[in-house]
C-alpha atoms as a PDB file:
ATOM      1  CA  MET A   1     -16.450   0.169  -3.223  1.00  0.00           C
ATOM      2  CA  ASP A   2     -15.949  -1.997  -0.174  1.00  0.00           C
ATOM      3  CA  LEU A   3     -12.408  -3.547   0.374  1.00  0.00           C
ATOM      4  CA  THR A   4     -12.655  -6.724   1.462  1.00  0.00           C
ATOM      5  CA  PRO A   5     -11.274  -6.905   5.378  1.00  0.00           C
ATOM      6  CA  GLN A   6      -8.100  -7.935   4.252  1.00  0.00           C
ATOM      7  CA  LEU A   7      -7.140  -4.927   1.681  1.00  0.00           C
ATOM      8  CA  ALA A   8      -8.710  -3.127   4.384  1.00  0.00           C
ATOM      9  CA  PHE A   9      -5.829  -4.336   6.725  1.00  0.00           C
ATOM     10  CA  THR A  10      -3.176  -3.805   4.178  1.00  0.00           C
ATOM     11  CA  LEU A  11      -4.565  -0.194   3.500  1.00  0.00           C
ATOM     12  CA  GLU A  12      -4.106   0.300   6.697  1.00  0.00           C
ATOM     13  CA  ALA A  13      -0.526  -1.555   7.248  1.00  0.00           C
ATOM     14  CA  CYS A  14       0.291   1.201   4.164  1.00  0.00           C
ATOM     15  CA  ARG A  15      -1.234   4.246   6.269  1.00  0.00           C
ATOM     16  CA  SER A  16       1.351   3.129   8.755  1.00  0.00           C
ATOM     17  CA  VAL A  17       4.674   4.282   7.265  1.00  0.00           C
ATOM     18  CA  GLN A  18       5.532   7.342   7.577  1.00  0.00           C
ATOM     19  CA  THR A  19       7.936   9.005   5.208  1.00  0.00           C
ATOM     20  CA  PRO A  20       8.366  12.552   4.828  1.00  0.00           C
ATOM     21  CA  THR A  21       8.112  12.056   1.146  1.00  0.00           C
ATOM     22  CA  GLY A  22       5.196  10.134   2.092  1.00  0.00           C
ATOM     23  CA  GLU A  23       5.855   7.862  -1.288  1.00  0.00           C
ATOM     24  CA  PHE A  24       7.414   3.813   0.811  1.00  0.00           C
ATOM     25  CA  CYS A  25       7.175  -0.254  -0.773  1.00  0.00           C
ATOM     26  CA  TYR A  26       6.616  -2.960   0.465  1.00  0.00           C
ATOM     27  CA  ARG A  27       9.648  -3.299   2.161  1.00  0.00           C
ATOM     28  CA  TRP A  28       9.276   0.009   4.892  1.00  0.00           C
ATOM     29  CA  ILE A  29       6.110  -1.955   6.091  1.00  0.00           C
ATOM     30  CA  PRO A  30       6.199  -3.335  10.103  1.00  0.00           C
ATOM     31  CA  GLN A  31       6.743  -6.696   9.865  1.00  0.00           C
ATOM     32  CA  GLU A  32       3.717  -7.523  11.996  1.00  0.00           C
ATOM     33  CA  TYR A  33       1.888  -6.482   9.456  1.00  0.00           C
ATOM     34  CA  LYS A  34       3.240  -8.947   7.437  1.00  0.00           C
ATOM     35  CA  ASP A  35       3.026 -11.520   9.604  1.00  0.00           C
ATOM     36  CA  ARG A  36      -0.809 -10.497   9.759  1.00  0.00           C
ATOM     37  CA  GLY A  37      -0.884 -11.545   6.482  1.00  0.00           C
ATOM     38  CA  VAL A  38       0.053  -8.126   4.739  1.00  0.00           C
ATOM     39  CA  LYS A  39       1.227  -9.458   0.400  1.00  0.00           C
ATOM     40  CA  GLN A  40       2.907  -7.478  -1.855  1.00  0.00           C
ATOM     41  CA  GLN A  41       0.490  -8.644  -5.008  1.00  0.00           C
ATOM     42  CA  GLN A  42      -2.187  -6.712  -2.564  1.00  0.00           C
ATOM     43  CA  LEU A  43      -0.216  -2.852  -2.907  1.00  0.00           C
ATOM     44  CA  ARG A  44      -1.164  -4.105  -6.587  1.00  0.00           C
ATOM     45  CA  ARG A  45      -4.403  -4.501  -5.964  1.00  0.00           C
ATOM     46  CA  LEU A  46      -4.736  -1.149  -4.228  1.00  0.00           C
ATOM     47  CA  ALA A  47      -3.234   1.146  -7.225  1.00  0.00           C
ATOM     48  CA  SER A  48      -5.584  -0.541  -9.467  1.00  0.00           C
ATOM     49  CA  LEU A  49      -9.129   0.407  -7.617  1.00  0.00           C
ATOM     50  CA  GLY A  50      -6.994   4.169  -6.791  1.00  0.00           C
ATOM     51  CA  PHE A  51      -5.606   4.412  -2.806  1.00  0.00           C
ATOM     52  CA  LEU A  52      -1.943   4.224  -3.465  1.00  0.00           C
ATOM     53  CA  THR A  53      -0.926   5.110  -6.622  1.00  0.00           C
ATOM     54  CA  ARG A  54       1.957   4.541  -7.929  1.00  0.00           C
ATOM     55  CA  VAL A  55       4.868   7.146  -8.166  1.00  0.00           C
ATOM     56  CA  ASP A  56       8.582   5.240  -8.843  1.00  0.00           C
ATOM     57  CA  GLN A  57       9.850   1.613  -9.848  1.00  0.00           C
ATOM     58  CA  THR A  58      13.579   0.598  -8.975  1.00  0.00           C
ATOM     59  CA  ARG A  59      15.888  -0.389 -12.224  1.00  0.00           C
ATOM     60  CA  GLY A  60      14.515  -3.565 -12.302  1.00  0.00           C
ATOM     61  CA  GLY A  61      11.239  -3.671 -11.017  1.00  0.00           C
ATOM     62  CA  LYS A  62      11.806  -5.338  -7.573  1.00  0.00           C
ATOM     63  CA  ARG A  63      11.213  -2.548  -6.169  1.00  0.00           C
ATOM     64  CA  VAL A  64       7.764  -0.192  -6.566  1.00  0.00           C
ATOM     65  CA  TYR A  65       6.677   3.224  -4.959  1.00  0.00           C
ATOM     66  CA  TYR A  66       3.737   4.005  -3.804  1.00  0.00           C
ATOM     67  CA  ARG A  67       1.694   7.109  -2.025  1.00  0.00           C
ATOM     68  CA  LEU A  68      -1.605   6.848  -0.973  1.00  0.00           C
ATOM     69  CA  ASN A  69      -4.510   8.549  -2.394  1.00  0.00           C
ATOM     70  CA  PRO A  70      -5.843  11.358  -0.368  1.00  0.00           C
ATOM     71  CA  ASP A  71      -8.767  10.965  -2.944  1.00  0.00           C
ATOM     72  CA  ARG A  72      -9.508   7.992  -2.478  1.00  0.00           C
ATOM     73  CA  GLN A  73     -10.593   6.911   0.812  1.00  0.00           C
ATOM     74  CA  PRO A  74     -12.669   2.928   1.688  1.00  0.00           C
ATOM     75  CA  THR A  75     -16.334   2.721   2.354  1.00  0.00           C
ATOM     76  CA  VAL A  76     -16.643   2.017   5.823  1.00  0.00           C
END
């Protein structure tokens, strides 16, 4: 499945976050990506398409953590 240019850019933003566990949340995405249009709902969309795996959520649902799905890569 091809991604829209914006979702492909969002996936690139997700890959830019480096953590020891591989988990990240929207808040940890660098501001330069957010300034260029990356939104939290795009992470939810990538998760629904299988590019991200939702791994945890804080109490109240204010922060959702994701992990990249290595088995799912966009077609070029």
